[in-house]
Structures are given as structure tokens and as C-alpha cells.
Amino acid sequence: MPIYEYISDDPEKGCRICKRGFELRRPVDRAPLEKCPLCRNRVKKVISRVNTPKVAKPLSVADAKSAGFTVLEKRDQGVYEKL
């Protein structure tokens, strides 16, 4: 189940939870939450950042071979040689 983030539409009227924002696990097929579960104030769904891994450096031929990949090098038009 994905985690959705919500925050109060009007921070002046919200409770201490929805003023700061909160996370909620909900099934994908359910409609977005419209009211805070605690104070029943209107909330909106926040678009959050996506966590993606960062690759520090490209893999070397030795790294690729140790990972189990076959490394090929192009020699001519349509001809490849295994390293």
C-alpha cells in the first residue's frame, strides 16, 4: 500500500496533526481523504518527492562481469566480440 501525505486546507482551523501534515497508508483503489481523521477539518493531498537511488559512478567491465553480465564490444558493423 502506498503512503499518502495530507495537510490542512486552512492551517488556522486545523488541529496540531493536520497543521503540520500527516502520512497515511491507503489502498490505491480508495478515493483521496477529504477530512482529517481527528478534527474533521478539510485536508488536501500533497505531492511528495520520489526517493530514487543515486549511482555514483558507471559500472566498469570488471564490475559488470562480477555481477554476472556478459560484456560485449563492437568490432565492425553488426559484429560484437565477448570480452
Protein backbone atom coordinates (compact mmCIF):
# COMPACT_ATOMS: atom_id res chain seq x y z
CA MET A 1 0.00 0.00 0.00
CA PRO A 2 1.33 3.44 -0.89
CA ILE A 3 1.85 6.17 1.68
CA TYR A 4 -0.01 9.43 1.01
CA GLU A 5 0.70 12.80 2.61
CA TYR A 6 -2.07 15.21 3.63
CA ILE A 7 -2.10 18.74 5.05
CA SER A 8 -4.87 21.07 6.24
CA ASP A 9 -6.52 23.37 3.67
CA ASP A 10 -6.74 26.13 6.31
CA PRO A 11 -3.91 25.90 8.86
CA GLU A 12 -5.72 28.32 11.21
CA LYS A 13 -8.62 25.90 11.71
CA GLY A 14 -6.69 22.61 11.70
CA CYS A 15 -5.63 20.53 14.69
CA ARG A 16 -1.99 20.03 15.65
CA ILE A 17 -1.77 16.94 13.42
CA CYS A 18 -3.17 18.31 10.16
CA LYS A 19 -1.49 21.74 10.54
CA ARG A 20 1.92 20.11 10.20
CA GLY A 21 0.75 17.41 7.78
CA PHE A 22 0.49 13.67 8.25
CA GLU A 23 1.12 10.45 6.34
CA LEU A 24 -1.47 7.74 5.82
CA ARG A 25 -1.27 4.30 4.24
CA ARG A 26 -4.27 3.72 1.97
CA PRO A 27 -5.08 1.25 -0.80
CA VAL A 28 -4.72 2.63 -4.32
CA ASP A 29 -8.36 1.98 -5.21
CA ARG A 30 -9.73 4.21 -2.39
CA ALA A 31 -10.65 7.84 -3.00
CA PRO A 32 -8.35 10.53 -1.53
CA LEU A 33 -9.02 11.53 2.06
CA GLU A 34 -11.10 14.73 2.31
CA LYS A 35 -11.26 15.33 6.09
CA CYS A 36 -8.77 14.98 8.92
CA PRO A 37 -9.50 11.80 10.91
CA LEU A 38 -9.00 13.69 14.20
CA CYS A 39 -10.66 17.13 13.82
CA ARG A 40 -12.75 16.59 10.64
CA ASN A 41 -11.24 19.72 9.02
CA ARG A 42 -10.78 19.65 5.22
CA VAL A 43 -7.37 18.36 4.07
CA LYS A 44 -5.64 18.16 0.70
CA LYS A 45 -3.25 15.57 -0.67
CA VAL A 46 0.36 16.73 -1.01
CA ILE A 47 2.60 15.71 -3.90
CA SER A 48 5.74 14.37 -2.27
CA ARG A 49 9.22 13.75 -3.61
CA VAL A 50 10.13 10.37 -5.02
CA ASN A 51 13.10 8.61 -3.50
CA THR A 52 15.41 7.34 -6.24
CA PRO A 53 18.79 5.71 -5.75
CA LYS A 54 21.81 7.60 -6.96
CA VAL A 55 24.54 5.90 -8.98
CA ALA A 56 27.91 7.36 -8.04
CA LYS A 57 29.88 6.03 -10.99
CA PRO A 58 29.25 3.93 -14.09
CA LEU A 59 30.00 0.23 -13.78
CA SER A 60 33.36 -0.93 -15.03
CA VAL A 61 33.86 -4.06 -17.13
CA ALA A 62 35.13 -5.93 -14.05
CA ASP A 63 32.07 -4.85 -12.01
CA ALA A 64 29.71 -5.98 -14.78
CA LYS A 65 31.44 -9.37 -15.09
CA SER A 66 31.39 -9.93 -11.32
CA ALA A 67 27.66 -9.15 -11.34
CA GLY A 68 27.13 -11.90 -13.92
CA PHE A 69 26.67 -9.81 -17.07
CA THR A 70 28.22 -10.67 -20.44
CA VAL A 71 30.26 -7.74 -21.72
CA LEU A 72 30.42 -7.24 -25.49
CA GLU A 73 32.48 -4.79 -27.52
CA LYS A 74 31.57 -3.66 -31.04
CA ARG A 75 34.26 -4.56 -33.62
CA ASP A 76 32.60 -3.95 -37.02
CA GLN A 77 29.18 -3.23 -38.44
CA GLY A 78 26.93 -5.73 -36.58
CA VAL A 79 29.92 -7.72 -35.19
CA TYR A 80 30.47 -7.90 -31.45
CA GLU A 81 33.22 -9.65 -29.52
CA LYS A 82 32.89 -11.03 -26.00
CA LEU A 83 35.40 -9.52 -23.55
